[in-house]
Each structure stands twice: as structure tokens, then as C-alpha cells.
Amino acid sequence: MAIAILNHFVKKPHFVDHLVEEINDLLYGIKKNTETNDVKASNLIHSYNALKIAHILTAILGIALCVSLLVSTQKKEPITIKDPIKIEDITPNSTLNNK
């Protein structure tokens, strides 16, 4: 069927030129799309590897933080009050009676 259609249009030279140009454009487009897709695939592979490394480094950082919090000891210093104030006789009734 396709051959019959092409044979019909072969008699018209301007249409054959149009078909040849269209086929050349399609072949050129296939070549360019293949190159573009190769570049996109390379970028995708690089970003995937970078994301894996980022996840691993984040996990290592989290583990290091947890370990450092568990292992570290804080030195407890006693609290001393300079010049303490002595408070005497604090009852609810004593404050009311003084007024």
C-alpha cells in the first residue's frame, strides 16, 4: 500500500523533494535527540550519585552528634550563694497581722 502511494507521488517531483527534506529532518532530529538524551542521562546519574553521598554524610553527621552527646560528660559545679538572707517566721497569718 505504501509503495503504491509513493509510486503515485513519484510522478510529482516537487512532492518527492518535500519527502526527501522531511526524511532528512527526521534523521537529523533523531541524532540531536539522542545527543540531548545522553547529556540528560549523564546529569541524572551524577545527581543520583551526589544525593547518595549527601544521604551518607548526613547519616554520619547524625550518628557523630548522638555519640558525642552520649559520651560527653558535664562537670557539675556546686552552687554557692554569697551573703545568704535568713528569712524567719513566714506564715500566712503573720503577714496579715503586721498590716
Protein backbone atom coordinates (compact mmCIF):
# COMPACT_ATOMS: atom_id res chain seq x y z
CA MET A 1 0.00 0.00 0.00
CA ALA A 2 2.75 2.45 0.97
CA ILE A 3 4.69 1.64 -2.18
CA ALA A 4 1.63 2.36 -4.28
CA ILE A 5 1.22 5.74 -2.61
CA LEU A 6 4.90 6.57 -3.13
CA ASN A 7 4.71 5.49 -6.78
CA HIS A 8 1.76 7.82 -7.24
CA PHE A 9 3.70 10.77 -5.78
CA VAL A 10 6.95 9.96 -7.59
CA LYS A 11 5.30 11.40 -10.69
CA LYS A 12 5.25 14.78 -8.91
CA PRO A 13 8.89 15.91 -8.43
CA HIS A 14 8.14 18.74 -6.01
CA PHE A 15 6.47 16.27 -3.61
CA VAL A 16 9.47 13.91 -3.78
CA ASP A 17 11.74 16.80 -2.85
CA HIS A 18 9.46 17.55 0.06
CA LEU A 19 9.59 13.91 1.25
CA VAL A 20 13.38 13.83 0.99
CA GLU A 21 13.66 17.03 3.01
CA GLU A 22 11.26 15.70 5.65
CA ILE A 23 13.18 12.42 5.96
CA ASN A 24 16.46 14.32 6.31
CA ASP A 25 14.91 16.49 9.03
CA LEU A 26 13.67 13.41 10.90
CA LEU A 27 17.09 11.75 10.73
CA TYR A 28 18.75 14.95 11.95
CA GLY A 29 16.18 15.21 14.77
CA ILE A 30 16.84 11.62 15.85
CA LYS A 31 20.57 12.33 16.02
CA LYS A 32 20.10 15.53 18.04
CA ASN A 33 17.55 13.92 20.39
CA THR A 34 19.95 11.06 21.06
CA GLU A 35 22.73 13.51 21.96
CA THR A 36 20.40 15.53 24.19
CA ASN A 37 19.09 12.42 25.94
CA ASP A 38 22.66 11.22 26.55
CA VAL A 39 23.52 14.52 28.24
CA LYS A 40 20.34 14.39 30.35
CA ALA A 41 21.05 10.81 31.39
CA SER A 42 24.61 11.73 32.40
CA ASN A 43 23.32 14.61 34.53
CA LEU A 44 20.74 12.34 36.13
CA ILE A 45 23.39 9.76 37.02
CA HIS A 46 25.64 12.45 38.54
CA SER A 47 22.80 13.92 40.60
CA TYR A 48 21.78 10.46 41.84
CA ASN A 49 25.35 9.76 42.99
CA ALA A 50 25.59 13.15 44.68
CA LEU A 51 22.30 12.52 46.51
CA LYS A 52 23.56 9.13 47.74
CA ILE A 53 26.72 10.76 49.08
CA ALA A 54 24.66 13.51 50.75
CA HIS A 55 22.47 10.92 52.50
CA ILE A 56 25.51 9.00 53.73
CA LEU A 57 27.23 12.14 55.04
CA THR A 58 24.03 13.29 56.78
CA ALA A 59 23.72 9.89 58.47
CA ILE A 60 27.37 10.03 59.59
CA LEU A 61 26.86 13.55 60.96
CA GLY A 62 23.75 12.49 62.88
CA ILE A 63 25.48 9.45 64.34
CA ALA A 64 28.50 11.55 65.33
CA LEU A 65 26.23 14.06 67.07
CA CYS A 66 24.40 11.33 69.00
CA VAL A 67 27.65 9.66 70.05
CA SER A 68 29.18 12.96 71.14
CA LEU A 69 26.12 13.74 73.29
CA LEU A 70 26.18 10.29 74.89
CA VAL A 71 29.91 10.20 75.55
CA SER A 72 30.44 13.75 76.75
CA THR A 73 30.20 14.37 80.49
CA GLN A 74 29.41 17.70 82.01
CA LYS A 75 31.28 18.84 85.09
CA LYS A 76 28.75 19.74 87.76
CA GLU A 77 29.79 22.67 89.86
CA PRO A 78 28.12 23.30 93.23
CA ILE A 79 26.02 26.43 93.51
CA THR A 80 27.11 28.78 96.27
CA ILE A 81 25.16 31.80 97.44
CA LYS A 82 27.16 34.76 98.70
CA ASP A 83 25.69 36.56 101.70
CA PRO A 84 22.54 34.46 102.18
CA ILE A 85 19.49 36.15 103.64
CA LYS A 86 17.81 34.47 106.57
CA ILE A 87 14.02 34.51 106.38
CA GLU A 88 12.14 33.97 109.62
CA ASP A 89 8.53 33.48 110.59
CA ILE A 90 6.75 33.16 107.28
CA THR A 91 3.18 32.13 107.86
CA PRO A 92 0.06 33.44 106.21
CA ASN A 93 -1.26 34.85 109.48
CA SER A 94 1.94 36.71 110.35
CA THR A 95 1.82 38.84 107.22
CA LEU A 96 -1.83 39.73 107.79
CA ASN A 97 -1.27 40.68 111.42
CA ASN A 98 1.60 43.03 110.62
CA LYS A 99 -0.55 45.26 108.44
